[in-house]
Amino acid sequence: MKASDILYQHDVKKTLSRLALIQALQSSNLPLSENEIRDRMHEQYDRITFYRNVQTLADSGIIHRIVIDNTLVKYALNCCGKEKEHQHSENHVHFYCKNCGQTICLDAIPAHSYPLPEGFSMTDCEVVIKGYCNLCTPGNHA
C-alpha cells in the first residue's frame, strides 16, 4: 500500500516528511532506528519534525516504537508486509540480536499472553527479548 493511502486511511494529514518516513519504513523488512530512517529520508529529514511525526504516526496507529534500551529505539509499521493490505497488528514480542543489532517483530508471539493477578488490567505491554539471532548464535555459522 502506498504511503499516501496509509495516511488517508488513518485520517492523517499528508506531508512530504510523513510520506518519506513511512516510505523509509516500507523499504525495510526490519524495524529501523532514527539514524537508519534519517539515511533513507535524505533531505526530508529534520530532527524536530521527525519526532513530531513519529508521535503523530504512533498515536494514529500507523507505526509502533520498540524501546531496546535507554539509548536505542526502533520504529516499525503496523502492517503484515509489503504485499498485504495495511492493518493494525496486535501487540507482539520483539527480538533484539546483541551481536548484529537486528530487531525482529515476532508477530506469532503475542505480548499480552501473560496472565495477570485477579483485579489487574493491562493497557499496554512491551516485550523485547535480547539474545542472538539464528545467524549469530554460536555454532550456527556455516
C-alpha atoms as a PDB file:
ATOM      1  CA  MET A   1       0.000   0.000   0.000  1.00  0.00           C
ATOM      2  CA  LYS A   2       1.268   3.471  -0.833  1.00  0.00           C
ATOM      3  CA  ALA A   3       2.326   5.776   1.985  1.00  0.00           C
ATOM      4  CA  SER A   4      -0.298   8.347   0.954  1.00  0.00           C
ATOM      5  CA  ASP A   5      -3.027   5.674   1.170  1.00  0.00           C
ATOM      6  CA  ILE A   6      -1.905   4.732   4.685  1.00  0.00           C
ATOM      7  CA  LEU A   7      -2.132   8.367   5.808  1.00  0.00           C
ATOM      8  CA  TYR A   8      -5.540   8.753   4.132  1.00  0.00           C
ATOM      9  CA  GLN A   9      -6.835   5.528   5.735  1.00  0.00           C
ATOM     10  CA  HIS A  10      -5.919   6.874   9.189  1.00  0.00           C
ATOM     11  CA  ASP A  11      -7.140  10.410   8.502  1.00  0.00           C
ATOM     12  CA  VAL A  12      -3.652  11.875   8.991  1.00  0.00           C
ATOM     13  CA  LYS A  13      -2.629  14.936   7.016  1.00  0.00           C
ATOM     14  CA  LYS A  14      -0.256  14.126   4.164  1.00  0.00           C
ATOM     15  CA  THR A  15       3.115  15.897   4.346  1.00  0.00           C
ATOM     16  CA  LEU A  16       6.329  15.205   2.467  1.00  0.00           C
ATOM     17  CA  SER A  17       8.199  14.273   5.639  1.00  0.00           C
ATOM     18  CA  ARG A  18       5.466  11.850   6.785  1.00  0.00           C
ATOM     19  CA  LEU A  19       5.440  10.241   3.364  1.00  0.00           C
ATOM     20  CA  ALA A  20       9.236   9.936   3.446  1.00  0.00           C
ATOM     21  CA  LEU A  21       9.176   8.445   6.953  1.00  0.00           C
ATOM     22  CA  ILE A  22       6.602   5.798   6.002  1.00  0.00           C
ATOM     23  CA  GLN A  23       8.448   5.027   2.762  1.00  0.00           C
ATOM     24  CA  ALA A  24      11.698   4.595   4.722  1.00  0.00           C
ATOM     25  CA  LEU A  25       9.995   2.051   6.969  1.00  0.00           C
ATOM     26  CA  GLN A  26       8.417   0.327   3.964  1.00  0.00           C
ATOM     27  CA  SER A  27      11.865  -0.074   2.386  1.00  0.00           C
ATOM     28  CA  SER A  28      12.975  -2.453   5.143  1.00  0.00           C
ATOM     29  CA  ASN A  29      11.715  -5.801   6.364  1.00  0.00           C
ATOM     30  CA  LEU A  30      13.051  -4.960   9.838  1.00  0.00           C
ATOM     31  CA  PRO A  31      12.362  -2.111  12.284  1.00  0.00           C
ATOM     32  CA  LEU A  32      14.679   0.877  11.838  1.00  0.00           C
ATOM     33  CA  SER A  33      16.431   3.262  14.221  1.00  0.00           C
ATOM     34  CA  GLU A  34      16.237   7.028  13.832  1.00  0.00           C
ATOM     35  CA  ASN A  35      19.670   7.062  12.136  1.00  0.00           C
ATOM     36  CA  GLU A  36      18.628   4.355   9.675  1.00  0.00           C
ATOM     37  CA  ILE A  37      15.437   6.265   8.875  1.00  0.00           C
ATOM     38  CA  ARG A  38      17.383   9.540   8.509  1.00  0.00           C
ATOM     39  CA  ASP A  39      19.727   7.892   5.980  1.00  0.00           C
ATOM     40  CA  ARG A  40      16.725   6.755   3.919  1.00  0.00           C
ATOM     41  CA  MET A  41      14.795  10.047   4.162  1.00  0.00           C
ATOM     42  CA  HIS A  42      17.715  12.166   2.880  1.00  0.00           C
ATOM     43  CA  GLU A  43      16.718  15.845   2.579  1.00  0.00           C
ATOM     44  CA  GLN A  44      13.232  15.212   4.027  1.00  0.00           C
ATOM     45  CA  TYR A  45      14.768  14.543   7.463  1.00  0.00           C
ATOM     46  CA  ASP A  46      14.573  17.188  10.163  1.00  0.00           C
ATOM     47  CA  ARG A  47      15.064  16.039  13.759  1.00  0.00           C
ATOM     48  CA  ILE A  48      12.266  18.114  15.335  1.00  0.00           C
ATOM     49  CA  THR A  49       9.818  17.237  12.556  1.00  0.00           C
ATOM     50  CA  PHE A  50      10.861  13.574  12.803  1.00  0.00           C
ATOM     51  CA  TYR A  51       9.867  13.342  16.477  1.00  0.00           C
ATOM     52  CA  ARG A  52       6.595  15.186  15.908  1.00  0.00           C
ATOM     53  CA  ASN A  53       5.754  12.887  13.007  1.00  0.00           C
ATOM     54  CA  VAL A  54       6.706   9.759  14.960  1.00  0.00           C
ATOM     55  CA  GLN A  55       4.324  10.848  17.722  1.00  0.00           C
ATOM     56  CA  THR A  56       1.507  11.564  15.252  1.00  0.00           C
ATOM     57  CA  LEU A  57       2.007   8.279  13.378  1.00  0.00           C
ATOM     58  CA  ALA A  58       2.206   6.274  16.628  1.00  0.00           C
ATOM     59  CA  ASP A  59      -0.898   7.971  18.060  1.00  0.00           C
ATOM     60  CA  SER A  60      -2.825   7.175  14.869  1.00  0.00           C
ATOM     61  CA  GLY A  61      -1.748   3.506  14.904  1.00  0.00           C
ATOM     62  CA  ILE A  62       0.401   3.643  11.769  1.00  0.00           C
ATOM     63  CA  ILE A  63       3.709   2.802  13.482  1.00  0.00           C
ATOM     64  CA  HIS A  64       4.939   1.452  16.787  1.00  0.00           C
ATOM     65  CA  ARG A  65       8.052   2.108  18.856  1.00  0.00           C
ATOM     66  CA  ILE A  66      10.335  -0.622  20.106  1.00  0.00           C
ATOM     67  CA  VAL A  67      12.419   0.525  23.061  1.00  0.00           C
ATOM     68  CA  ILE A  68      15.534  -1.661  23.099  1.00  0.00           C
ATOM     69  CA  ASP A  69      17.269   0.202  25.933  1.00  0.00           C
ATOM     70  CA  ASN A  70      17.755   3.772  27.151  1.00  0.00           C
ATOM     71  CA  THR A  71      19.851   4.673  24.081  1.00  0.00           C
ATOM     72  CA  LEU A  72      18.163   2.746  21.257  1.00  0.00           C
ATOM     73  CA  VAL A  73      14.610   2.951  19.916  1.00  0.00           C
ATOM     74  CA  LYS A  74      13.457   1.351  16.676  1.00  0.00           C
ATOM     75  CA  TYR A  75      10.308   2.006  14.661  1.00  0.00           C
ATOM     76  CA  ALA A  76       8.129  -0.312  12.581  1.00  0.00           C
ATOM     77  CA  LEU A  77       4.954  -0.063  10.547  1.00  0.00           C
ATOM     78  CA  ASN A  78       1.853  -1.747  11.920  1.00  0.00           C
ATOM     79  CA  CYS A  79       1.302  -3.967   8.926  1.00  0.00           C
ATOM     80  CA  CYS A  80       1.806  -7.552   7.800  1.00  0.00           C
ATOM     81  CA  GLY A  81       4.090  -6.877   4.862  1.00  0.00           C
ATOM     82  CA  LYS A  82       4.578  -5.017   1.636  1.00  0.00           C
ATOM     83  CA  GLU A  83       2.292  -7.259  -0.436  1.00  0.00           C
ATOM     84  CA  LYS A  84      -0.598  -7.341   2.051  1.00  0.00           C
ATOM     85  CA  GLU A  85      -3.020  -4.579   2.869  1.00  0.00           C
ATOM     86  CA  HIS A  86      -2.162  -2.292   5.752  1.00  0.00           C
ATOM     87  CA  GLN A  87      -3.700  -3.442   9.008  1.00  0.00           C
ATOM     88  CA  HIS A  88      -3.117  -2.942  12.694  1.00  0.00           C
ATOM     89  CA  SER A  89      -1.144  -5.702  14.306  1.00  0.00           C
ATOM     90  CA  GLU A  90      -1.771  -6.706  17.871  1.00  0.00           C
ATOM     91  CA  ASN A  91       0.931  -6.198  20.450  1.00  0.00           C
ATOM     92  CA  HIS A  92       3.660  -8.691  19.763  1.00  0.00           C
ATOM     93  CA  VAL A  93       7.050  -9.665  21.122  1.00  0.00           C
ATOM     94  CA  HIS A  94      10.239  -8.212  19.633  1.00  0.00           C
ATOM     95  CA  PHE A  95      13.663  -9.852  19.460  1.00  0.00           C
ATOM     96  CA  TYR A  96      16.898  -7.854  19.536  1.00  0.00           C
ATOM     97  CA  CYS A  97      20.152  -9.532  18.455  1.00  0.00           C
ATOM     98  CA  LYS A  98      23.017  -8.399  20.707  1.00  0.00           C
ATOM     99  CA  ASN A  99      25.555  -9.262  18.009  1.00  0.00           C
ATOM    100  CA  CYS A 100      24.254  -7.884  14.688  1.00  0.00           C
ATOM    101  CA  GLY A 101      21.805  -5.336  16.127  1.00  0.00           C
ATOM    102  CA  GLN A 102      18.784  -6.520  14.130  1.00  0.00           C
ATOM    103  CA  THR A 103      15.364  -6.126  15.685  1.00  0.00           C
ATOM    104  CA  ILE A 104      12.742  -8.596  14.551  1.00  0.00           C
ATOM    105  CA  CYS A 105       8.983  -8.428  15.112  1.00  0.00           C
ATOM    106  CA  LEU A 106       7.829 -11.847  16.329  1.00  0.00           C
ATOM    107  CA  ASP A 107       4.231 -11.422  15.205  1.00  0.00           C
ATOM    108  CA  ALA A 108       3.290 -15.006  16.108  1.00  0.00           C
ATOM    109  CA  ILE A 109       4.065 -14.397  19.801  1.00  0.00           C
ATOM    110  CA  PRO A 110       1.513 -12.064  21.425  1.00  0.00           C
ATOM    111  CA  ALA A 111       2.903  -9.781  24.106  1.00  0.00           C
ATOM    112  CA  HIS A 112      -0.351  -9.875  26.070  1.00  0.00           C
ATOM    113  CA  SER A 113      -0.277 -13.617  26.761  1.00  0.00           C
ATOM    114  CA  TYR A 114       0.998 -13.163  30.318  1.00  0.00           C
ATOM    115  CA  PRO A 115      -1.627 -13.911  32.974  1.00  0.00           C
ATOM    116  CA  LEU A 116      -2.187 -11.131  35.478  1.00  0.00           C
ATOM    117  CA  PRO A 117      -3.393 -11.469  39.059  1.00  0.00           C
ATOM    118  CA  GLU A 118      -7.098 -11.040  39.665  1.00  0.00           C
ATOM    119  CA  GLY A 119      -8.133  -7.390  39.670  1.00  0.00           C
ATOM    120  CA  PHE A 120      -5.241  -6.244  37.450  1.00  0.00           C
ATOM    121  CA  SER A 121      -5.938  -4.828  33.997  1.00  0.00           C
ATOM    122  CA  MET A 122      -3.421  -4.364  31.198  1.00  0.00           C
ATOM    123  CA  THR A 123      -3.402  -1.287  28.997  1.00  0.00           C
ATOM    124  CA  ASP A 124      -0.013  -1.746  27.291  1.00  0.00           C
ATOM    125  CA  CYS A 125       2.611  -4.449  27.087  1.00  0.00           C
ATOM    126  CA  GLU A 126       6.063  -4.120  25.553  1.00  0.00           C
ATOM    127  CA  VAL A 127       8.288  -7.197  25.438  1.00  0.00           C
ATOM    128  CA  VAL A 128      11.815  -7.222  23.997  1.00  0.00           C
ATOM    129  CA  ILE A 129      13.746 -10.461  24.127  1.00  0.00           C
ATOM    130  CA  LYS A 130      17.501  -9.954  23.807  1.00  0.00           C
ATOM    131  CA  GLY A 131      19.914 -12.615  22.658  1.00  0.00           C
ATOM    132  CA  TYR A 132      21.419 -13.915  19.429  1.00  0.00           C
ATOM    133  CA  CYS A 133      19.546 -14.410  16.155  1.00  0.00           C
ATOM    134  CA  ASN A 134      19.776 -17.607  14.131  1.00  0.00           C
ATOM    135  CA  LEU A 135      22.747 -16.238  12.159  1.00  0.00           C
ATOM    136  CA  CYS A 136      24.679 -15.037  15.207  1.00  0.00           C
ATOM    137  CA  THR A 137      24.089 -17.911  17.642  1.00  0.00           C
ATOM    138  CA  PRO A 138      27.412 -19.700  18.251  1.00  0.00           C
ATOM    139  CA  GLY A 139      27.516 -22.928  16.268  1.00  0.00           C
ATOM    140  CA  ASN A 140      25.033 -21.734  13.605  1.00  0.00           C
ATOM    141  CA  HIS A 141      27.722 -20.416  11.265  1.00  0.00           C
ATOM    142  CA  ALA A 142      28.276 -22.375   8.065  1.00  0.00           C
END
